[in-house]
PDB file of all heavy atoms in Angstrom:
ATOM      1  N   THR A   1      95.333  94.144 110.369  1.00  0.00           N
ATOM      2  CA  THR A   1      94.700  95.478 110.501  1.00  0.00           C
ATOM      3  C   THR A   1      95.670  96.581 110.183  1.00  0.00           C
ATOM      4  O   THR A   1      96.781  96.645 110.707  1.00  0.00           O
ATOM      5  CB  THR A   1      94.136  95.715 111.883  1.00  0.00           C
ATOM      6  OG1 THR A   1      93.402  94.592 112.350  1.00  0.00           O
ATOM      7  CG2 THR A   1      93.334  96.925 112.026  1.00  0.00           C
ATOM      8  N   PRO A   2      95.391  97.473 109.296  1.00  0.00           N
ATOM      9  CA  PRO A   2      96.318  98.625 108.896  1.00  0.00           C
ATOM     10  C   PRO A   2      96.730  99.431 110.177  1.00  0.00           C
ATOM     11  O   PRO A   2      95.829  99.721 110.959  1.00  0.00           O
ATOM     12  CB  PRO A   2      95.418  99.408 107.911  1.00  0.00           C
ATOM     13  CG  PRO A   2      94.584  98.399 107.215  1.00  0.00           C
ATOM     14  CD  PRO A   2      94.180  97.461 108.360  1.00  0.00           C
ATOM     15  N   GLY A   3      98.031  99.603 110.174  1.00  0.00           N
ATOM     16  CA  GLY A   3      98.506 100.430 111.323  1.00  0.00           C
ATOM     17  C   GLY A   3      98.859  99.587 112.566  1.00  0.00           C
ATOM     18  O   GLY A   3      99.292 100.159 113.578  1.00  0.00           O
ATOM     19  N   THR A   4      98.722  98.196 112.494  1.00  0.00           N
ATOM     20  CA  THR A   4      99.137  97.368 113.555  1.00  0.00           C
ATOM     21  C   THR A   4      99.991  96.361 113.154  1.00  0.00           C
ATOM     22  O   THR A   4     100.194  96.039 111.922  1.00  0.00           O
ATOM     23  CB  THR A   4      97.769  96.704 114.070  1.00  0.00           C
ATOM     24  OG1 THR A   4      97.314  95.914 113.225  1.00  0.00           O
ATOM     25  CG2 THR A   4      96.818  97.740 114.551  1.00  0.00           C
ATOM     26  N   SER A   5     100.723  95.781 114.075  1.00  0.00           N
ATOM     27  CA  SER A   5     101.555  94.572 113.781  1.00  0.00           C
ATOM     28  C   SER A   5     100.751  93.353 113.763  1.00  0.00           C
ATOM     29  O   SER A   5      99.716  93.192 114.352  1.00  0.00           O
ATOM     30  CB  SER A   5     102.587  94.524 114.859  1.00  0.00           C
ATOM     31  OG  SER A   5     103.370  95.628 114.946  1.00  0.00           O
ATOM     32  N   SER A   6     101.159  92.431 112.942  1.00  0.00           N
ATOM     33  CA  SER A   6     100.507  91.086 112.814  1.00  0.00           C
ATOM     34  C   SER A   6     100.597  90.437 114.075  1.00  0.00           C
ATOM     35  O   SER A   6     101.636  90.436 114.790  1.00  0.00           O
ATOM     36  CB  SER A   6     101.118  90.225 111.759  1.00  0.00           C
ATOM     37  OG  SER A   6     100.997  90.844 110.555  1.00  0.00           O
ATOM     38  N   PRO A   7      99.393  89.810 114.533  1.00  0.00           N
ATOM     39  CA  PRO A   7      99.515  89.130 115.850  1.00  0.00           C
ATOM     40  C   PRO A   7     100.432  87.986 115.765  1.00  0.00           C
ATOM     41  O   PRO A   7     100.535  87.316 114.693  1.00  0.00           O
ATOM     42  CB  PRO A   7      98.068  88.610 116.105  1.00  0.00           C
ATOM     43  CG  PRO A   7      97.219  89.522 115.153  1.00  0.00           C
ATOM     44  CD  PRO A   7      98.139  89.866 113.972  1.00  0.00           C
ATOM     45  N   PRO A   8     101.214  87.558 116.883  1.00  0.00           N
ATOM     46  CA  PRO A   8     101.914  86.419 116.765  1.00  0.00           C
ATOM     47  C   PRO A   8     101.150  85.338 116.603  1.00  0.00           C
ATOM     48  O   PRO A   8      99.921  85.039 116.991  1.00  0.00           O
ATOM     49  CB  PRO A   8     102.638  86.404 118.253  1.00  0.00           C
ATOM     50  CG  PRO A   8     101.603  87.140 118.990  1.00  0.00           C
ATOM     51  CD  PRO A   8     100.954  88.194 118.142  1.00  0.00           C
ATOM     52  N   GLY A   9     101.756  84.300 115.936  1.00  0.00           N
ATOM     53  CA  GLY A   9     101.024  83.001 115.584  1.00  0.00           C
ATOM     54  C   GLY A   9     101.822  82.167 114.633  1.00  0.00           C
ATOM     55  O   GLY A   9     103.031  82.035 114.827  1.00  0.00           O
ATOM     56  N   ASP A  10     101.181  81.598 113.686  1.00  0.00           N
ATOM     57  CA  ASP A  10     101.893  80.603 112.815  1.00  0.00           C
ATOM     58  C   ASP A  10     102.463  81.236 111.627  1.00  0.00           C
ATOM     59  O   ASP A  10     103.011  80.497 110.688  1.00  0.00           O
ATOM     60  CB  ASP A  10     100.858  79.565 112.461  1.00  0.00           C
ATOM     61  CG  ASP A  10      99.719  80.057 111.676  1.00  0.00           C
ATOM     62  OD1 ASP A  10      99.780  81.238 111.319  1.00  0.00           O
ATOM     63  OD2 ASP A  10      98.671  79.339 111.718  1.00  0.00           O
ATOM     64  N   GLY A  11     102.438  82.510 111.585  1.00  0.00           N
ATOM     65  CA  GLY A  11     103.048  83.246 110.357  1.00  0.00           C
ATOM     66  C   GLY A  11     102.223  83.227 109.172  1.00  0.00           C
ATOM     67  O   GLY A  11     102.670  83.611 108.134  1.00  0.00           O
ATOM     68  N   SER A  12     100.888  82.946 109.288  1.00  0.00           N
ATOM     69  CA  SER A  12     100.160  82.982 108.133  1.00  0.00           C
ATOM     70  C   SER A  12      99.471  84.317 107.700  1.00  0.00           C
ATOM     71  O   SER A  12      98.938  84.390 106.669  1.00  0.00           O
ATOM     72  CB  SER A  12      98.830  81.840 108.426  1.00  0.00           C
ATOM     73  OG  SER A  12      98.061  82.303 109.385  1.00  0.00           O
ATOM     74  N   ALA A  13      99.633  85.264 108.671  1.00  0.00           N
ATOM     75  CA  ALA A  13      98.987  86.479 108.275  1.00  0.00           C
ATOM     76  C   ALA A  13      99.867  87.416 107.420  1.00  0.00           C
ATOM     77  O   ALA A  13      99.261  88.222 106.701  1.00  0.00           O
ATOM     78  CB  ALA A  13      98.705  87.278 109.592  1.00  0.00           C
ATOM     79  N   GLY A  14     101.165  87.196 107.515  1.00  0.00           N
ATOM     80  CA  GLY A  14     101.948  88.126 106.746  1.00  0.00           C
ATOM     81  C   GLY A  14     102.139  89.486 107.314  1.00  0.00           C
ATOM     82  O   GLY A  14     101.689  89.779 108.398  1.00  0.00           O
ATOM     83  N   PRO A  15     102.791  90.389 106.639  1.00  0.00           N
ATOM     84  CA  PRO A  15     103.043  91.642 107.159  1.00  0.00           C
ATOM     85  C   PRO A  15     101.828  92.585 107.248  1.00  0.00           C
ATOM     86  O   PRO A  15     100.930  92.408 106.440  1.00  0.00           O
ATOM     87  CB  PRO A  15     104.200  92.272 106.272  1.00  0.00           C
ATOM     88  CG  PRO A  15     103.871  91.668 104.978  1.00  0.00           C
ATOM     89  CD  PRO A  15     103.368  90.318 105.303  1.00  0.00           C
ATOM     90  N   SER A  16     101.902  93.509 108.248  1.00  0.00           N
ATOM     91  CA  SER A  16     100.807  94.546 108.110  1.00  0.00           C
ATOM     92  C   SER A  16     101.275  95.540 107.078  1.00  0.00           C
ATOM     93  O   SER A  16     102.281  95.678 106.622  1.00  0.00           O
ATOM     94  CB  SER A  16     100.733  95.147 109.517  1.00  0.00           C
ATOM     95  OG  SER A  16     101.935  95.839 109.890  1.00  0.00           O
ATOM     96  N   TRP A  17     100.199  96.324 106.702  1.00  0.00           N
ATOM     97  CA  TRP A  17     100.495  97.192 105.444  1.00  0.00           C
ATOM     98  C   TRP A  17     100.361  98.705 105.675  1.00  0.00           C
ATOM     99  O   TRP A  17      99.880  99.338 104.816  1.00  0.00           O
ATOM    100  CB  TRP A  17      99.492  96.647 104.369  1.00  0.00           C
ATOM    101  CG  TRP A  17     100.043  95.388 103.744  1.00  0.00           C
ATOM    102  CD1 TRP A  17     101.273  94.978 103.755  1.00  0.00           C
ATOM    103  CD2 TRP A  17      99.252  94.583 102.940  1.00  0.00           C
ATOM    104  NE1 TRP A  17     101.225  93.752 103.008  1.00  0.00           N
ATOM    105  CE2 TRP A  17     100.075  93.519 102.429  1.00  0.00           C
ATOM    106  CE3 TRP A  17      97.907  94.569 102.508  1.00  0.00           C
ATOM    107  CZ2 TRP A  17      99.695  92.512 101.721  1.00  0.00           C
ATOM    108  CZ3 TRP A  17      97.463  93.471 101.772  1.00  0.00           C
ATOM    109  CH2 TRP A  17      98.404  92.516 101.340  1.00  0.00           C
ATOM    110  N   GLY A  18     100.577  99.087 106.888  1.00  0.00           N
ATOM    111  CA  GLY A  18     100.630 100.588 107.277  1.00  0.00           C
ATOM    112  C   GLY A  18      99.281 101.052 107.547  1.00  0.00           C
ATOM    113  O   GLY A  18      98.147 100.411 107.618  1.00  0.00           O
ATOM    114  N   THR A  19      99.245 102.338 107.791  1.00  0.00           N
ATOM    115  CA  THR A  19      98.169 103.028 108.298  1.00  0.00           C
ATOM    116  C   THR A  19      97.154 103.314 107.039  1.00  0.00           C
ATOM    117  O   THR A  19      97.517 103.572 105.948  1.00  0.00           O
ATOM    118  CB  THR A  19      98.435 104.485 108.780  1.00  0.00           C
ATOM    119  OG1 THR A  19      99.436 104.231 109.807  1.00  0.00           O
ATOM    120  CG2 THR A  19      97.265 105.213 109.417  1.00  0.00           C
ATOM    121  N   PRO A  20      95.851 103.163 107.230  1.00  0.00           N
ATOM    122  CA  PRO A  20      94.784 103.453 106.315  1.00  0.00           C
ATOM    123  C   PRO A  20      95.089 104.827 105.680  1.00  0.00           C
ATOM    124  O   PRO A  20      95.318 105.831 106.433  1.00  0.00           O
ATOM    125  CB  PRO A  20      93.479 103.300 106.906  1.00  0.00           C
ATOM    126  CG  PRO A  20      93.783 102.484 108.046  1.00  0.00           C
ATOM    127  CD  PRO A  20      95.191 102.885 108.505  1.00  0.00           C
ATOM    128  N   GLN A  21      94.930 104.944 104.429  1.00  0.00           N
ATOM    129  CA  GLN A  21      95.031 106.240 103.709  1.00  0.00           C
ATOM    130  C   GLN A  21      93.678 106.784 103.234  1.00  0.00           C
ATOM    131  O   GLN A  21      92.840 106.017 102.738  1.00  0.00           O
ATOM    132  CB  GLN A  21      95.990 106.095 102.501  1.00  0.00           C
ATOM    133  CG  GLN A  21      97.430 105.715 102.952  1.00  0.00           C
ATOM    134  CD  GLN A  21      98.343 105.728 101.606  1.00  0.00           C
ATOM    135  OE1 GLN A  21      98.286 106.648 100.879  1.00  0.00           O
ATOM    136  NE2 GLN A  21      99.162 104.705 101.643  1.00  0.00           N
ATOM    137  N   PRO A  22      93.393 108.026 103.276  1.00  0.00           N
ATOM    138  CA  PRO A  22      92.150 108.541 102.833  1.00  0.00           C
ATOM    139  C   PRO A  22      91.969 108.411 101.413  1.00  0.00           C
ATOM    140  O   PRO A  22      93.018 108.507 100.682  1.00  0.00           O
ATOM    141  CB  PRO A  22      92.267 110.039 103.262  1.00  0.00           C
ATOM    142  CG  PRO A  22      93.691 110.313 103.303  1.00  0.00           C
ATOM    143  CD  PRO A  22      94.321 109.183 103.807  1.00  0.00           C
ATOM    144  N   HIS A  23      90.746 108.123 100.966  1.00  0.00           N
ATOM    145  CA  HIS A  23      90.487 107.978  99.480  1.00  0.00           C
ATOM    146  C   HIS A  23      90.300 109.370  98.868  1.00  0.00           C
ATOM    147  O   HIS A  23      89.428 110.113  99.230  1.00  0.00           O
ATOM    148  CB  HIS A  23      89.221 107.207  99.296  1.00  0.00           C
ATOM    149  CG  HIS A  23      89.437 105.715  99.589  1.00  0.00           C
ATOM    150  ND1 HIS A  23      90.489 104.960  98.926  1.00  0.00           N
ATOM    151  CD2 HIS A  23      88.657 104.959 100.471  1.00  0.00           C
ATOM    152  CE1 HIS A  23      90.338 103.750  99.411  1.00  0.00           C
ATOM    153  NE2 HIS A  23      89.328 103.769 100.352  1.00  0.00           N
ATOM    154  N   ASP A  24      91.122 109.710  97.905  1.00  0.00           N
ATOM    155  CA  ASP A  24      90.938 110.941  97.122  1.00  0.00           C
ATOM    156  C   ASP A  24      91.287 110.549  95.641  1.00  0.00           C
ATOM    157  O   ASP A  24      92.275 110.825  95.187  1.00  0.00           O
ATOM    158  CB  ASP A  24      91.994 112.046  97.638  1.00  0.00           C
ATOM    159  CG  ASP A  24      91.797 113.361  96.924  1.00  0.00           C
ATOM    160  OD1 ASP A  24      90.701 113.566  96.293  1.00  0.00           O
ATOM    161  OD2 ASP A  24      92.698 114.099  96.708  1.00  0.00           O
ATOM    162  N   GLY A  25      90.259 109.883  95.045  1.00  0.00           N
ATOM    163  CA  GLY A  25      90.585 109.218  93.893  1.00  0.00           C
ATOM    164  C   GLY A  25      91.516 108.099  94.061  1.00  0.00           C
ATOM    165  O   GLY A  25      91.447 107.417  95.099  1.00  0.00           O
ATOM    166  N   TRP A  26      92.579 108.031  93.239  1.00  0.00           N
ATOM    167  CA  TRP A  26      93.674 107.121  93.418  1.00  0.00           C
ATOM    168  C   TRP A  26      95.005 107.824  93.723  1.00  0.00           C
ATOM    169  O   TRP A  26      96.014 107.279  93.580  1.00  0.00           O
ATOM    170  CB  TRP A  26      93.834 106.234  92.216  1.00  0.00           C
ATOM    171  CG  TRP A  26      92.803 105.215  92.084  1.00  0.00           C
ATOM    172  CD1 TRP A  26      91.744 105.168  91.335  1.00  0.00           C
ATOM    173  CD2 TRP A  26      92.752 103.971  92.858  1.00  0.00           C
ATOM    174  NE1 TRP A  26      90.944 104.127  91.649  1.00  0.00           N
ATOM    175  CE2 TRP A  26      91.615 103.322  92.402  1.00  0.00           C
ATOM    176  CE3 TRP A  26      93.549 103.361  93.816  1.00  0.00           C
ATOM    177  CZ2 TRP A  26      91.270 102.047  93.021  1.00  0.00           C
ATOM    178  CZ3 TRP A  26      93.237 102.153  94.341  1.00  0.00           C
ATOM    179  CH2 TRP A  26      91.981 101.535  93.848  1.00  0.00           C
ATOM    180  N   GLY A  27      94.869 109.093  94.024  1.00  0.00           N
ATOM    181  CA  GLY A  27      96.103 109.937  94.288  1.00  0.00           C
ATOM    182  C   GLY A  27      96.581 109.788  95.542  1.00  0.00           C
ATOM    183  O   GLY A  27      95.998 109.343  96.579  1.00  0.00           O
ATOM    184  N   ARG A  28      97.906 110.224  95.925  1.00  0.00           N
ATOM    185  CA  ARG A  28      98.434 110.205  97.280  1.00  0.00           C
ATOM    186  C   ARG A  28      97.797 111.383  98.023  1.00  0.00           C
ATOM    187  O   ARG A  28      97.389 112.358  97.460  1.00  0.00           O
ATOM    188  CB  ARG A  28     100.019 110.514  97.186  1.00  0.00           C
ATOM    189  CG  ARG A  28     100.755 109.479  96.410  1.00  0.00           C
ATOM    190  CD  ARG A  28     102.204 109.632  96.692  1.00  0.00           C
ATOM    191  NE  ARG A  28     102.699 110.918  96.139  1.00  0.00           N
ATOM    192  CZ  ARG A  28     103.158 111.222  94.955  1.00  0.00           C
ATOM    193  NH1 ARG A  28     103.042 110.246  94.028  1.00  0.00           N
ATOM    194  NH2 ARG A  28     103.514 112.267  94.634  1.00  0.00           N
ATOM    195  N   PRO A  29      97.752 111.212  99.370  1.00  0.00           N
ATOM    196  CA  PRO A  29      97.063 112.340 100.151  1.00  0.00           C
ATOM    197  C   PRO A  29      97.795 113.673  99.942  1.00  0.00           C
ATOM    198  O   PRO A  29      97.235 114.782 100.124  1.00  0.00           O
ATOM    199  CB  PRO A  29      97.220 111.740 101.521  1.00  0.00           C
ATOM    200  CG  PRO A  29      97.280 110.311 101.349  1.00  0.00           C
ATOM    201  CD  PRO A  29      98.103 110.103 100.078  1.00  0.00           C
ATOM    202  N   ASP A  30      99.151 113.576  99.718  1.00  0.00           N
ATOM    203  CA  ASP A  30      99.898 114.845  99.641  1.00  0.00           C
ATOM    204  C   ASP A  30     100.108 115.313  98.220  1.00  0.00           C
ATOM    205  O   ASP A  30     100.835 116.298  97.829  1.00  0.00           O
ATOM    206  CB  ASP A  30     101.236 114.729 100.188  1.00  0.00           C
ATOM    207  CG  ASP A  30     102.067 113.554  99.619  1.00  0.00           C
ATOM    208  OD1 ASP A  30     101.495 112.811  98.861  1.00  0.00           O
ATOM    209  OD2 ASP A  30     103.269 113.547  99.839  1.00  0.00           O
ATOM    210  N   GLN A  31      99.400 114.806  97.169  1.00  0.00           N
ATOM    211  CA  GLN A  31      99.598 114.991  95.871  1.00  0.00           C
ATOM    212  C   GLN A  31      98.798 116.338  95.443  1.00  0.00           C
ATOM    213  O   GLN A  31      97.630 116.388  95.677  1.00  0.00           O
ATOM    214  CB  GLN A  31      99.199 113.876  95.033  1.00  0.00           C
ATOM    215  CG  GLN A  31      99.431 114.048  93.523  1.00  0.00           C
ATOM    216  CD  GLN A  31      98.912 112.819  92.678  1.00  0.00           C
ATOM    217  OE1 GLN A  31      98.322 111.985  93.195  1.00  0.00           O
ATOM    218  NE2 GLN A  31      99.464 112.780  91.383  1.00  0.00           N
ATOM    219  N   PRO A  32      99.443 117.227  94.869  1.00  0.00           N
ATOM    220  CA  PRO A  32      98.640 118.440  94.325  1.00  0.00           C
ATOM    221  C   PRO A  32      97.466 118.054  93.389  1.00  0.00           C
ATOM    222  O   PRO A  32      97.607 117.058  92.721  1.00  0.00           O
ATOM    223  CB  PRO A  32      99.733 119.302  93.567  1.00  0.00           C
ATOM    224  CG  PRO A  32     101.028 118.831  94.110  1.00  0.00           C
ATOM    225  CD  PRO A  32     100.774 117.427  94.498  1.00  0.00           C
ATOM    226  N   VAL A  33      96.431 118.740  93.454  1.00  0.00           N
ATOM    227  CA  VAL A  33      95.250 118.395  92.714  1.00  0.00           C
ATOM    228  C   VAL A  33      95.419 118.583  91.295  1.00  0.00           C
ATOM    229  O   VAL A  33      94.480 118.097  90.540  1.00  0.00           O
ATOM    230  CB  VAL A  33      93.962 119.200  93.264  1.00  0.00           C
ATOM    231  CG1 VAL A  33      93.737 118.956  94.739  1.00  0.00           C
ATOM    232  CG2 VAL A  33      94.319 120.737  93.062  1.00  0.00           C
ATOM    233  N   ASP A  34      96.532 119.354  90.705  1.00  0.00           N
ATOM    234  CA  ASP A  34      96.653 119.576  89.437  1.00  0.00           C
ATOM    235  C   ASP A  34      97.510 118.640  88.677  1.00  0.00           C
ATOM    236  O   ASP A  34      97.853 118.760  87.551  1.00  0.00           O
ATOM    237  CB  ASP A  34      97.088 121.107  89.092  1.00  0.00           C
ATOM    238  CG  ASP A  34      98.485 121.243  89.735  1.00  0.00           C
ATOM    239  OD1 ASP A  34      98.871 120.499  90.671  1.00  0.00           O
ATOM    240  OD2 ASP A  34      99.093 122.257  89.477  1.00  0.00           O
ATOM    241  N   GLN A  35      97.954 117.507  89.498  1.00  0.00           N
ATOM    242  CA  GLN A  35      98.724 116.574  88.878  1.00  0.00           C
ATOM    243  C   GLN A  35      98.011 115.280  88.662  1.00  0.00           C
ATOM    244  O   GLN A  35      97.021 114.981  89.427  1.00  0.00           O
ATOM    245  CB  GLN A  35      99.983 116.269  89.840  1.00  0.00           C
ATOM    246  CG  GLN A  35     100.924 117.401  89.878  1.00  0.00           C
ATOM    247  CD  GLN A  35     102.058 117.083  90.798  1.00  0.00           C
ATOM    248  OE1 GLN A  35     102.390 115.868  91.142  1.00  0.00           O
ATOM    249  NE2 GLN A  35     103.008 118.091  91.127  1.00  0.00           N
ATOM    250  N   PRO A  36      98.409 114.446  87.694  1.00  0.00           N
ATOM    251  CA  PRO A  36      97.739 113.188  87.309  1.00  0.00           C
ATOM    252  C   PRO A  36      97.684 112.342  88.637  1.00  0.00           C
ATOM    253  O   PRO A  36      98.502 112.277  89.444  1.00  0.00           O
ATOM    254  CB  PRO A  36      98.583 112.512  86.235  1.00  0.00           C
ATOM    255  CG  PRO A  36      99.297 113.650  85.690  1.00  0.00           C
ATOM    256  CD  PRO A  36      99.605 114.583  86.767  1.00  0.00           C
ATOM    257  N   SER A  37      96.503 111.569  88.685  1.00  0.00           N
ATOM    258  CA  SER A  37      96.303 110.823  89.957  1.00  0.00           C
ATOM    259  C   SER A  37      96.768 109.299  89.586  1.00  0.00           C
ATOM    260  O   SER A  37      96.074 108.658  88.695  1.00  0.00           O
ATOM    261  CB  SER A  37      94.847 110.762  90.340  1.00  0.00           C
ATOM    262  OG  SER A  37      94.539 109.918  91.376  1.00  0.00           O
ATOM    263  N   VAL A  38      97.740 108.759  90.216  1.00  0.00           N
ATOM    264  CA  VAL A  38      98.164 107.502  90.021  1.00  0.00           C
ATOM    265  C   VAL A  38      98.654 106.894  91.464  1.00  0.00           C
ATOM    266  O   VAL A  38      98.990 107.718  92.305  1.00  0.00           O
ATOM    267  CB  VAL A  38      99.319 107.326  88.988  1.00  0.00           C
ATOM    268  CG1 VAL A  38      98.810 107.754  87.626  1.00  0.00           C
ATOM    269  CG2 VAL A  38     100.589 108.202  89.489  1.00  0.00           C
ATOM    270  N   LEU A  39      98.747 105.609  91.508  1.00  0.00           N
ATOM    271  CA  LEU A  39      99.204 104.998  92.621  1.00  0.00           C
ATOM    272  C   LEU A  39     100.701 105.383  92.732  1.00  0.00           C
ATOM    273  O   LEU A  39     101.428 105.333  91.758  1.00  0.00           O
ATOM    274  CB  LEU A  39      99.026 103.496  92.724  1.00  0.00           C
ATOM    275  CG  LEU A  39      97.705 103.079  93.166  1.00  0.00           C
ATOM    276  CD1 LEU A  39      97.570 101.564  92.837  1.00  0.00           C
ATOM    277  CD2 LEU A  39      97.370 103.338  94.603  1.00  0.00           C
ATOM    278  N   PRO A  40     101.223 105.566  94.065  1.00  0.00           N
ATOM    279  CA  PRO A  40     102.656 105.923  94.154  1.00  0.00           C
ATOM    280  C   PRO A  40     103.443 104.795  93.588  1.00  0.00           C
ATOM    281  O   PRO A  40     103.420 103.627  94.009  1.00  0.00           O
ATOM    282  CB  PRO A  40     102.820 105.997  95.683  1.00  0.00           C
ATOM    283  CG  PRO A  40     101.407 106.174  96.154  1.00  0.00           C
ATOM    284  CD  PRO A  40     100.576 105.573  95.290  1.00  0.00           C
ATOM    285  N   GLY A  41     104.476 105.038  92.615  1.00  0.00           N
ATOM    286  CA  GLY A  41     105.288 104.106  92.202  1.00  0.00           C
ATOM    287  C   GLY A  41     104.707 103.066  91.249  1.00  0.00           C
ATOM    288  O   GLY A  41     105.373 102.091  90.847  1.00  0.00           O
ATOM    289  N   ALA A  42     103.405 103.402  90.773  1.00  0.00           N
ATOM    290  CA  ALA A  42     102.761 102.420  89.953  1.00  0.00           C
ATOM    291  C   ALA A  42     103.545 102.301  88.596  1.00  0.00           C
ATOM    292  O   ALA A  42     103.827 103.213  87.914  1.00  0.00           O
ATOM    293  CB  ALA A  42     101.399 102.769  89.734  1.00  0.00           C
ATOM    294  N   PRO A  43     103.785 101.068  88.057  1.00  0.00           N
ATOM    295  CA  PRO A  43     104.496 100.926  86.823  1.00  0.00           C
ATOM    296  C   PRO A  43     103.461 101.227  85.721  1.00  0.00           C
ATOM    297  O   PRO A  43     102.350 101.195  85.921  1.00  0.00           O
ATOM    298  CB  PRO A  43     104.714  99.382  86.846  1.00  0.00           C
ATOM    299  CG  PRO A  43     103.750  98.767  87.661  1.00  0.00           C
ATOM    300  CD  PRO A  43     103.441  99.716  88.676  1.00  0.00           C
ATOM    301  N   PRO A  44     104.004 101.499  84.527  1.00  0.00           N
ATOM    302  CA  PRO A  44     103.070 101.666  83.283  1.00  0.00           C
ATOM    303  C   PRO A  44     102.342 100.570  83.064  1.00  0.00           C
ATOM    304  O   PRO A  44     102.600  99.464  83.461  1.00  0.00           O
ATOM    305  CB  PRO A  44     104.129 102.063  82.361  1.00  0.00           C
ATOM    306  CG  PRO A  44     105.335 101.423  82.567  1.00  0.00           C
ATOM    307  CD  PRO A  44     105.430 101.577  84.075  1.00  0.00           C
ATOM    308  N   GLN A  45     101.182 100.781  82.360  1.00  0.00           N
ATOM    309  CA  GLN A  45     100.297  99.657  81.926  1.00  0.00           C
ATOM    310  C   GLN A  45     101.171  98.689  81.067  1.00  0.00           C
ATOM    311  O   GLN A  45     101.969  99.023  80.288  1.00  0.00           O
ATOM    312  CB  GLN A  45      99.134 100.179  81.233  1.00  0.00           C
ATOM    313  CG  GLN A  45      98.203 100.997  81.999  1.00  0.00           C
ATOM    314  CD  GLN A  45      96.851 101.124  81.390  1.00  0.00           C
ATOM    315  OE1 GLN A  45      96.535 100.512  80.490  1.00  0.00           O
ATOM    316  NE2 GLN A  45      96.169 102.213  81.918  1.00  0.00           N
ATOM    317  N   GLY A  46     100.737  97.368  81.290  1.00  0.00           N
ATOM    318  CA  GLY A  46     101.577  96.358  80.587  1.00  0.00           C
ATOM    319  C   GLY A  46     102.806  96.070  81.277  1.00  0.00           C
ATOM    320  O   GLY A  46     103.695  95.500  80.747  1.00  0.00           O
TER     321      GLY A  46
END
């Protein structure tokens, strides 16, 4: 569950992935609206 630690167990769940982020297109929540909307640190296509 985002924002929680993985329950103890056999290690099959993997790491948790942080707090849910609001959907505003694909941009960061703090990204100005006049800038291109991309995922943070996303590599170029290809």
